[in-house]
Structures are given as structure tokens and as C-alpha cells.
Amino acid sequence: MRLPDLNDLIQDLQLAKQIAIDNQNANALTIATMSQAKLLGIDKPLKDVTPNSNIKSGLGHFYGRIPDLTPEAALAISKRLDEEY
């Protein structure tokens, strides 16, 4: 026996919704609808994603700007990699 995937679960809940409609059971219809929303991840409130120009983005701003790689540092890294590998 295999585990049900998302499509199977949505299909089962759609059937439950149809049975609830046929039996005029508003509570069961609501529960099946909310269960579908939870499975699909659309039951959460929307977040404001308006960009704020005062907030700097990226990890470089969080940790401080990473300095440019100098030719000397690049050569030292290359030599060390050659020695190790």
C-alpha cells in the first residue's frame, strides 16, 4: 500500500465537499474547504512585501561588506588548493 500524495488528498477532500453539498451539510463543506487550503498552504495571512529602501538587503550588509579579493590573496588561495589537491 502506498501513501497518498497531495493529488490523492485533494481529490478525497473534493469528494467530501461534494458529499457535504449533496447532504446540505455546511459545516462539513467548510471543514473540507479549509483542509484543502491547509494542504495547499493558502490558509495563512498575506505578508506585506513592500520594499523598504531604508533596509539593506543581502548577507553582505548584515555581516559587513566583504572586501574585494586582491591578486595576492587569489594567488595564495590558488597555491594552497594546489598543495591540498
Protein backbone atom coordinates (compact mmCIF):
# COMPACT_ATOMS: atom_id res chain seq x y z
CA MET A 1 0.00 0.00 0.00
CA ARG A 2 1.38 3.38 -0.94
CA LEU A 3 0.98 6.61 0.97
CA PRO A 4 -1.43 9.11 -0.57
CA ASP A 5 0.16 12.05 -2.34
CA LEU A 6 -1.11 15.61 -2.46
CA ASN A 7 -3.31 14.96 -5.50
CA ASP A 8 -4.97 12.00 -3.78
CA LEU A 9 -5.71 14.04 -0.68
CA ILE A 10 -7.12 16.95 -2.66
CA GLN A 11 -9.29 14.56 -4.68
CA ASP A 12 -10.61 12.94 -1.49
CA LEU A 13 -11.41 16.32 0.00
CA GLN A 14 -13.15 17.37 -3.21
CA LEU A 15 -15.32 14.25 -2.91
CA ALA A 16 -16.03 15.12 0.74
CA LYS A 17 -17.08 18.61 -0.36
CA GLN A 18 -19.47 17.18 -2.95
CA ILE A 19 -21.00 14.83 -0.36
CA ALA A 20 -21.37 17.76 2.05
CA ILE A 21 -23.13 19.79 -0.67
CA ASP A 22 -25.44 16.88 -1.51
CA ASN A 23 -26.33 16.44 2.17
CA GLN A 24 -26.60 20.20 2.73
CA ASN A 25 -24.00 19.99 5.50
CA ALA A 26 -22.39 23.43 5.63
CA ASN A 27 -20.05 22.50 8.49
CA ALA A 28 -18.57 19.53 6.61
CA LEU A 29 -18.22 21.67 3.48
CA THR A 30 -16.34 24.32 5.44
CA ILE A 31 -14.03 21.77 7.05
CA ALA A 32 -13.21 20.12 3.69
CA THR A 33 -12.57 23.52 2.08
CA MET A 34 -10.29 24.63 4.92
CA SER A 35 -8.45 21.30 4.79
CA GLN A 36 -7.76 21.83 1.09
CA ALA A 37 -6.49 25.33 1.81
CA LYS A 38 -4.16 24.00 4.51
CA LEU A 39 -2.77 21.31 2.21
CA LEU A 40 -2.11 23.90 -0.48
CA GLY A 41 -0.62 26.39 2.00
CA ILE A 42 -3.11 29.16 1.24
CA ASP A 43 -4.62 29.32 4.73
CA LYS A 44 -2.02 31.76 6.03
CA PRO A 45 -2.39 35.53 6.04
CA LEU A 46 -0.64 37.52 3.34
CA LYS A 47 2.53 39.31 4.36
CA ASP A 48 3.40 42.82 3.28
CA VAL A 49 6.30 42.53 0.87
CA THR A 50 6.57 46.21 0.01
CA PRO A 51 10.26 47.04 -0.37
CA ASN A 52 11.68 49.41 2.20
CA SER A 53 14.58 51.47 0.89
CA ASN A 54 15.84 52.03 4.45
CA ILE A 55 16.54 48.32 4.92
CA LYS A 56 19.69 46.98 3.33
CA SER A 57 19.37 43.54 1.77
CA GLY A 58 21.78 40.69 1.44
CA LEU A 59 24.08 38.97 3.89
CA GLY A 60 26.95 41.25 2.94
CA HIS A 61 25.15 44.15 4.58
CA PHE A 62 24.36 42.04 7.65
CA TYR A 63 27.89 40.83 8.24
CA GLY A 64 29.63 43.84 6.81
CA ARG A 65 30.82 44.21 3.25
CA ILE A 66 33.17 41.50 2.10
CA PRO A 67 36.36 43.12 0.80
CA ASP A 68 37.41 42.63 -2.80
CA LEU A 69 39.74 39.72 -3.47
CA THR A 70 43.24 41.06 -4.08
CA PRO A 71 45.55 39.39 -6.62
CA GLU A 72 47.88 38.38 -3.78
CA ALA A 73 45.05 36.69 -1.87
CA ALA A 74 43.85 34.91 -5.02
CA LEU A 75 47.38 33.61 -5.67
CA ALA A 76 47.70 32.39 -2.07
CA ILE A 77 44.36 30.57 -2.31
CA SER A 78 45.38 29.01 -5.62
CA LYS A 79 48.71 27.79 -4.20
CA ARG A 80 47.01 26.32 -1.15
CA LEU A 81 44.47 24.49 -3.29
CA ASP A 82 47.27 23.10 -5.47
CA GLU A 83 49.07 21.83 -2.36
CA GLU A 84 45.97 20.21 -0.87
CA TYR A 85 44.56 18.68 -4.05
